[in-house]
Amino acid sequence: MKQLRPYQLQAVKECWEALKKDDAPVLLMASVGAGKSLMLSSILLTMQRAGKRALCIVNNAELVRNNCATFNEQGGNSSIYCAALESKDASAPIVFGTPQSILNGINKNVKSIANANFNLIMVDEAHAINYLNHKSGFMRILRHYKQEYPDMRLLGATGTNFRFKGSSIVGHDCIFKSQVGNITTEDLIAQE
């Protein structure tokens, strides 16, 4: 089991403080190489130990496999809902999946995924969420689960807190209302 470094512990603490404050979506900002997968695993382990359910959405099958493996190596119990990995299992307390597979499950009303009440939804590479397009896959997934379970919280993680043309994803009119962590490449270099 890997131990979190002090800057990772601080970022995880900031995530919890923001998530407990209210139901406003939170963004964990951490540069490439900061160990986002390990930090997300730490949060998911806490959820699992508390008897809560969480969904971790990542853009592609390889990231699903890697994030799931990191979580399981830390002692987690998870399942994968990803057609490309030939697994549509949502039985574990923590579920890793791709947006397309999850959206297909919701659209086909597959009870194991469509009717799940997730206390927390995490989106790795959260800058990929096109929150300005309410018909986008991510937005349809988030709306569905918020309707199913209004107390659901949203945590995004990224090393890029803006979308493709530089528009921010954090702010009053954006999907994420607050940003925590703020681990920069310069911070990582200084840690060495």
C-alpha atoms as a PDB file:
ATOM      1  CA  MET A   1       0.000   0.000   0.000  1.00  0.00           C
ATOM      2  CA  LYS A   2       1.434   3.338  -1.066  1.00  0.00           C
ATOM      3  CA  GLN A   3       1.522   6.199   1.419  1.00  0.00           C
ATOM      4  CA  LEU A   4       0.364   9.645   0.424  1.00  0.00           C
ATOM      5  CA  ARG A   5       2.963  12.387   0.405  1.00  0.00           C
ATOM      6  CA  PRO A   6       2.314  15.487   2.542  1.00  0.00           C
ATOM      7  CA  TYR A   7       1.097  17.589  -0.405  1.00  0.00           C
ATOM      8  CA  GLN A   8      -1.266  14.754  -1.424  1.00  0.00           C
ATOM      9  CA  LEU A   9      -2.592  14.447   2.136  1.00  0.00           C
ATOM     10  CA  GLN A  10      -3.235  18.200   2.159  1.00  0.00           C
ATOM     11  CA  ALA A  11      -5.079  18.039  -1.187  1.00  0.00           C
ATOM     12  CA  VAL A  12      -7.248  15.129   0.011  1.00  0.00           C
ATOM     13  CA  LYS A  13      -8.030  17.061   3.213  1.00  0.00           C
ATOM     14  CA  GLU A  14      -9.060  20.078   1.135  1.00  0.00           C
ATOM     15  CA  CYS A  15     -11.318  17.854  -1.004  1.00  0.00           C
ATOM     16  CA  TRP A  16     -13.116  16.531   2.064  1.00  0.00           C
ATOM     17  CA  GLU A  17     -13.541  19.994   3.556  1.00  0.00           C
ATOM     18  CA  ALA A  18     -15.049  21.316   0.321  1.00  0.00           C
ATOM     19  CA  LEU A  19     -17.299  18.267  -0.215  1.00  0.00           C
ATOM     20  CA  LYS A  20     -18.639  18.449   3.353  1.00  0.00           C
ATOM     21  CA  LYS A  21     -19.257  22.202   3.181  1.00  0.00           C
ATOM     22  CA  ASP A  22     -22.170  21.947   0.741  1.00  0.00           C
ATOM     23  CA  ASP A  23     -23.225  20.111  -2.408  1.00  0.00           C
ATOM     24  CA  ALA A  24     -21.389  22.421  -4.828  1.00  0.00           C
ATOM     25  CA  PRO A  25     -19.121  20.526  -7.253  1.00  0.00           C
ATOM     26  CA  VAL A  26     -15.400  20.609  -6.368  1.00  0.00           C
ATOM     27  CA  LEU A  27     -12.348  20.404  -8.635  1.00  0.00           C
ATOM     28  CA  LEU A  28      -9.075  18.843  -7.473  1.00  0.00           C
ATOM     29  CA  MET A  29      -6.395  20.641  -9.468  1.00  0.00           C
ATOM     30  CA  ALA A  30      -3.140  18.689  -9.605  1.00  0.00           C
ATOM     31  CA  SER A  31      -0.448  18.776 -12.247  1.00  0.00           C
ATOM     32  CA  VAL A  32       0.635  15.735 -14.237  1.00  0.00           C
ATOM     33  CA  GLY A  33       2.754  13.531 -11.968  1.00  0.00           C
ATOM     34  CA  ALA A  34       1.083  14.703  -8.749  1.00  0.00           C
ATOM     35  CA  GLY A  35      -0.486  11.297  -8.131  1.00  0.00           C
ATOM     36  CA  LYS A  36      -4.147  12.060  -8.808  1.00  0.00           C
ATOM     37  CA  SER A  37      -4.983   8.345  -9.034  1.00  0.00           C
ATOM     38  CA  LEU A  38      -3.558   7.749  -5.568  1.00  0.00           C
ATOM     39  CA  MET A  39      -5.374  10.771  -4.106  1.00  0.00           C
ATOM     40  CA  LEU A  40      -8.656   9.680  -5.699  1.00  0.00           C
ATOM     41  CA  SER A  41      -8.090   6.157  -4.357  1.00  0.00           C
ATOM     42  CA  SER A  42      -7.659   7.559  -0.860  1.00  0.00           C
ATOM     43  CA  ILE A  43     -10.986   9.384  -1.093  1.00  0.00           C
ATOM     44  CA  LEU A  44     -12.712   6.309  -2.524  1.00  0.00           C
ATOM     45  CA  LEU A  45     -11.328   4.102   0.258  1.00  0.00           C
ATOM     46  CA  THR A  46     -12.782   6.471   2.831  1.00  0.00           C
ATOM     47  CA  MET A  47     -16.135   6.273   1.053  1.00  0.00           C
ATOM     48  CA  GLN A  48     -15.995   2.481   0.960  1.00  0.00           C
ATOM     49  CA  ARG A  49     -15.087   2.234   4.669  1.00  0.00           C
ATOM     50  CA  ALA A  50     -18.031   4.495   5.496  1.00  0.00           C
ATOM     51  CA  GLY A  51     -20.402   2.159   3.648  1.00  0.00           C
ATOM     52  CA  LYS A  52     -20.981   4.669   0.844  1.00  0.00           C
ATOM     53  CA  ARG A  53     -21.075   4.171  -2.916  1.00  0.00           C
ATOM     54  CA  ALA A  54     -19.046   6.042  -5.500  1.00  0.00           C
ATOM     55  CA  LEU A  55     -18.705   6.118  -9.267  1.00  0.00           C
ATOM     56  CA  CYS A  56     -15.390   7.083 -10.845  1.00  0.00           C
ATOM     57  CA  ILE A  57     -15.776   8.084 -14.489  1.00  0.00           C
ATOM     58  CA  VAL A  58     -12.740   8.186 -16.747  1.00  0.00           C
ATOM     59  CA  ASN A  59     -12.558   8.893 -20.467  1.00  0.00           C
ATOM     60  CA  ASN A  60     -11.200   5.614 -21.784  1.00  0.00           C
ATOM     61  CA  ALA A  61     -10.802   1.951 -20.974  1.00  0.00           C
ATOM     62  CA  GLU A  62      -7.081   2.167 -20.206  1.00  0.00           C
ATOM     63  CA  LEU A  63      -7.644   4.861 -17.581  1.00  0.00           C
ATOM     64  CA  VAL A  64     -10.490   2.807 -16.116  1.00  0.00           C
ATOM     65  CA  ARG A  65      -8.173  -0.188 -15.837  1.00  0.00           C
ATOM     66  CA  ASN A  66      -5.316   1.867 -14.314  1.00  0.00           C
ATOM     67  CA  ASN A  67      -7.434   3.793 -11.795  1.00  0.00           C
ATOM     68  CA  CYS A  68      -9.229   0.612 -10.748  1.00  0.00           C
ATOM     69  CA  ALA A  69      -5.914  -1.222 -10.311  1.00  0.00           C
ATOM     70  CA  THR A  70      -4.507   1.609  -8.168  1.00  0.00           C
ATOM     71  CA  PHE A  71      -7.624   1.557  -5.986  1.00  0.00           C
ATOM     72  CA  ASN A  72      -7.570  -2.221  -5.573  1.00  0.00           C
ATOM     73  CA  GLU A  73      -3.834  -2.166  -4.740  1.00  0.00           C
ATOM     74  CA  GLN A  74      -4.692   0.238  -1.918  1.00  0.00           C
ATOM     75  CA  GLY A  75      -7.145  -2.301  -0.497  1.00  0.00           C
ATOM     76  CA  GLY A  76     -10.296  -1.266  -2.320  1.00  0.00           C
ATOM     77  CA  ASN A  77     -13.192  -3.379  -3.552  1.00  0.00           C
ATOM     78  CA  SER A  78     -14.385  -2.221  -6.947  1.00  0.00           C
ATOM     79  CA  SER A  79     -16.119  -3.272 -10.096  1.00  0.00           C
ATOM     80  CA  ILE A  80     -15.808  -2.078 -13.675  1.00  0.00           C
ATOM     81  CA  TYR A  81     -18.598  -0.871 -15.949  1.00  0.00           C
ATOM     82  CA  CYS A  82     -16.877  -0.575 -19.318  1.00  0.00           C
ATOM     83  CA  ALA A  83     -17.863  -2.362 -22.507  1.00  0.00           C
ATOM     84  CA  ALA A  84     -14.336  -2.079 -23.957  1.00  0.00           C
ATOM     85  CA  LEU A  85     -13.040  -4.076 -20.964  1.00  0.00           C
ATOM     86  CA  GLU A  86     -15.888  -6.584 -21.377  1.00  0.00           C
ATOM     87  CA  SER A  87     -17.254  -5.862 -17.913  1.00  0.00           C
ATOM     88  CA  LYS A  88     -20.588  -4.339 -17.000  1.00  0.00           C
ATOM     89  CA  ASP A  89     -20.494  -4.915 -13.263  1.00  0.00           C
ATOM     90  CA  ALA A  90     -21.809  -2.274 -10.859  1.00  0.00           C
ATOM     91  CA  SER A  91     -22.124  -4.534  -7.822  1.00  0.00           C
ATOM     92  CA  ALA A  92     -19.180  -3.264  -5.751  1.00  0.00           C
ATOM     93  CA  PRO A  93     -19.420  -0.148  -3.568  1.00  0.00           C
ATOM     94  CA  ILE A  94     -16.962   1.613  -5.879  1.00  0.00           C
ATOM     95  CA  VAL A  95     -17.522   1.451  -9.641  1.00  0.00           C
ATOM     96  CA  PHE A  96     -15.095   2.565 -12.351  1.00  0.00           C
ATOM     97  CA  GLY A  97     -16.448   3.178 -15.829  1.00  0.00           C
ATOM     98  CA  THR A  98     -16.388   5.129 -19.050  1.00  0.00           C
ATOM     99  CA  PRO A  99     -19.030   7.754 -19.787  1.00  0.00           C
ATOM    100  CA  GLN A 100     -20.292   5.991 -22.914  1.00  0.00           C
ATOM    101  CA  SER A 101     -20.800   2.630 -21.193  1.00  0.00           C
ATOM    102  CA  ILE A 102     -22.517   4.260 -18.224  1.00  0.00           C
ATOM    103  CA  LEU A 103     -24.746   6.383 -20.449  1.00  0.00           C
ATOM    104  CA  ASN A 104     -25.672   3.306 -22.505  1.00  0.00           C
ATOM    105  CA  GLY A 105     -26.589   1.486 -19.282  1.00  0.00           C
ATOM    106  CA  ILE A 106     -28.752   4.410 -18.175  1.00  0.00           C
ATOM    107  CA  ASN A 107     -30.438   4.706 -21.581  1.00  0.00           C
ATOM    108  CA  LYS A 108     -31.160   0.965 -21.679  1.00  0.00           C
ATOM    109  CA  ASN A 109     -32.347   1.150 -18.051  1.00  0.00           C
ATOM    110  CA  VAL A 110     -29.913  -1.521 -16.885  1.00  0.00           C
ATOM    111  CA  LYS A 111     -31.004  -1.559 -13.243  1.00  0.00           C
ATOM    112  CA  SER A 112     -27.562  -2.247 -11.738  1.00  0.00           C
ATOM    113  CA  ILE A 113     -26.172   1.032 -13.112  1.00  0.00           C
ATOM    114  CA  ALA A 114     -29.259   3.119 -13.951  1.00  0.00           C
ATOM    115  CA  ASN A 115     -30.833   2.786 -10.495  1.00  0.00           C
ATOM    116  CA  ALA A 116     -27.647   3.083  -8.449  1.00  0.00           C
ATOM    117  CA  ASN A 117     -27.511   5.722  -5.742  1.00  0.00           C
ATOM    118  CA  PHE A 118     -23.987   7.068  -5.716  1.00  0.00           C
ATOM    119  CA  ASN A 119     -22.990   9.289  -2.818  1.00  0.00           C
ATOM    120  CA  LEU A 120     -20.047  10.606  -4.812  1.00  0.00           C
ATOM    121  CA  ILE A 121     -19.263  10.815  -8.489  1.00  0.00           C
ATOM    122  CA  MET A 122     -15.659  11.480  -9.440  1.00  0.00           C
ATOM    123  CA  VAL A 123     -14.611  12.512 -12.907  1.00  0.00           C
ATOM    124  CA  ASP A 124     -10.936  12.078 -13.725  1.00  0.00           C
ATOM    125  CA  GLU A 125      -9.719  14.357 -16.525  1.00  0.00           C
ATOM    126  CA  ALA A 126     -12.654  16.617 -15.622  1.00  0.00           C
ATOM    127  CA  HIS A 127     -11.678  19.240 -18.181  1.00  0.00           C
ATOM    128  CA  ALA A 128     -13.312  16.911 -20.741  1.00  0.00           C
ATOM    129  CA  ILE A 129     -16.795  17.699 -19.364  1.00  0.00           C
ATOM    130  CA  ASN A 130     -18.603  19.919 -21.847  1.00  0.00           C
ATOM    131  CA  TYR A 131     -20.831  21.566 -19.259  1.00  0.00           C
ATOM    132  CA  LEU A 132     -22.092  24.165 -21.763  1.00  0.00           C
ATOM    133  CA  ASN A 133     -23.768  21.398 -23.785  1.00  0.00           C
ATOM    134  CA  HIS A 134     -26.558  19.962 -21.640  1.00  0.00           C
ATOM    135  CA  LYS A 135     -26.946  17.101 -24.124  1.00  0.00           C
ATOM    136  CA  SER A 136     -23.329  15.954 -23.706  1.00  0.00           C
ATOM    137  CA  GLY A 137     -22.822  12.485 -22.277  1.00  0.00           C
ATOM    138  CA  PHE A 138     -21.233  13.693 -19.050  1.00  0.00           C
ATOM    139  CA  MET A 139     -23.991  16.207 -18.372  1.00  0.00           C
ATOM    140  CA  ARG A 140     -26.725  13.642 -19.027  1.00  0.00           C
ATOM    141  CA  ILE A 141     -25.016  11.207 -16.625  1.00  0.00           C
ATOM    142  CA  LEU A 142     -24.600  13.829 -13.906  1.00  0.00           C
ATOM    143  CA  ARG A 143     -28.221  15.014 -14.237  1.00  0.00           C
ATOM    144  CA  HIS A 144     -29.492  11.439 -14.087  1.00  0.00           C
ATOM    145  CA  TYR A 145     -27.659  10.591 -10.872  1.00  0.00           C
ATOM    146  CA  LYS A 146     -28.469  13.910  -9.221  1.00  0.00           C
ATOM    147  CA  GLN A 147     -32.169  13.204  -9.896  1.00  0.00           C
ATOM    148  CA  GLU A 148     -31.809   9.639  -8.563  1.00  0.00           C
ATOM    149  CA  TYR A 149     -29.987  10.799  -5.426  1.00  0.00           C
ATOM    150  CA  PRO A 150     -30.131  14.572  -4.770  1.00  0.00           C
ATOM    151  CA  ASP A 151     -27.463  14.404  -2.044  1.00  0.00           C
ATOM    152  CA  MET A 152     -24.877  13.135  -4.531  1.00  0.00           C
ATOM    153  CA  ARG A 153     -21.597  15.074  -4.559  1.00  0.00           C
ATOM    154  CA  LEU A 154     -19.358  15.724  -7.573  1.00  0.00           C
ATOM    155  CA  LEU A 155     -15.564  15.797  -7.468  1.00  0.00           C
ATOM    156  CA  GLY A 156     -13.526  16.424 -10.588  1.00  0.00           C
ATOM    157  CA  ALA A 157      -9.785  15.945 -10.969  1.00  0.00           C
ATOM    158  CA  THR A 158      -7.540  17.417 -13.616  1.00  0.00           C
ATOM    159  CA  GLY A 159      -4.207  19.019 -14.315  1.00  0.00           C
ATOM    160  CA  THR A 160      -5.944  21.513 -16.619  1.00  0.00           C
ATOM    161  CA  ASN A 161      -8.673  23.706 -15.117  1.00  0.00           C
ATOM    162  CA  PHE A 162      -9.887  24.982 -18.470  1.00  0.00           C
ATOM    163  CA  ARG A 163     -11.441  23.587 -21.613  1.00  0.00           C
ATOM    164  CA  PHE A 164      -9.934  23.557 -25.074  1.00  0.00           C
ATOM    165  CA  LYS A 165     -10.075  27.273 -25.926  1.00  0.00           C
ATOM    166  CA  GLY A 166      -9.079  28.434 -22.468  1.00  0.00           C
ATOM    167  CA  SER A 167     -12.539  28.803 -20.915  1.00  0.00           C
ATOM    168  CA  SER A 168     -12.451  28.045 -17.203  1.00  0.00           C
ATOM    169  CA  ILE A 169     -14.301  25.089 -15.691  1.00  0.00           C
ATOM    170  CA  VAL A 170     -14.246  26.658 -12.210  1.00  0.00           C
ATOM    171  CA  GLY A 171     -16.396  29.595 -11.185  1.00  0.00           C
ATOM    172  CA  HIS A 172     -19.912  30.799 -10.519  1.00  0.00           C
ATOM    173  CA  ASP A 173     -21.201  30.002 -14.033  1.00  0.00           C
ATOM    174  CA  CYS A 174     -19.071  26.881 -14.479  1.00  0.00           C
ATOM    175  CA  ILE A 175     -19.592  23.243 -13.556  1.00  0.00           C
ATOM    176  CA  PHE A 176     -17.158  23.346 -10.617  1.00  0.00           C
ATOM    177  CA  LYS A 177     -17.748  26.022  -8.015  1.00  0.00           C
ATOM    178  CA  SER A 178     -14.481  25.700  -6.090  1.00  0.00           C
ATOM    179  CA  GLN A 179     -10.960  24.458  -6.701  1.00  0.00           C
ATOM    180  CA  VAL A 180      -8.701  22.679  -4.200  1.00  0.00           C
ATOM    181  CA  GLY A 181      -5.272  21.097  -4.257  1.00  0.00           C
ATOM    182  CA  ASN A 182      -3.648  23.494  -6.678  1.00  0.00           C
ATOM    183  CA  ILE A 183      -0.548  21.303  -6.990  1.00  0.00           C
ATOM    184  CA  THR A 184       1.617  22.779  -9.732  1.00  0.00           C
ATOM    185  CA  THR A 185       4.599  21.350 -11.590  1.00  0.00           C
ATOM    186  CA  GLU A 186       6.757  23.859  -9.715  1.00  0.00           C
ATOM    187  CA  ASP A 187       5.449  22.468  -6.406  1.00  0.00           C
ATOM    188  CA  LEU A 188       6.367  18.948  -7.501  1.00  0.00           C
ATOM    189  CA  ILE A 189       9.881  19.987  -8.497  1.00  0.00           C
ATOM    190  CA  ALA A 190      10.351  21.694  -5.122  1.00  0.00           C
ATOM    191  CA  GLN A 191       9.296  18.453  -3.347  1.00  0.00           C
ATOM    192  CA  GLU A 192      12.216  16.518  -4.880  1.00  0.00           C
END
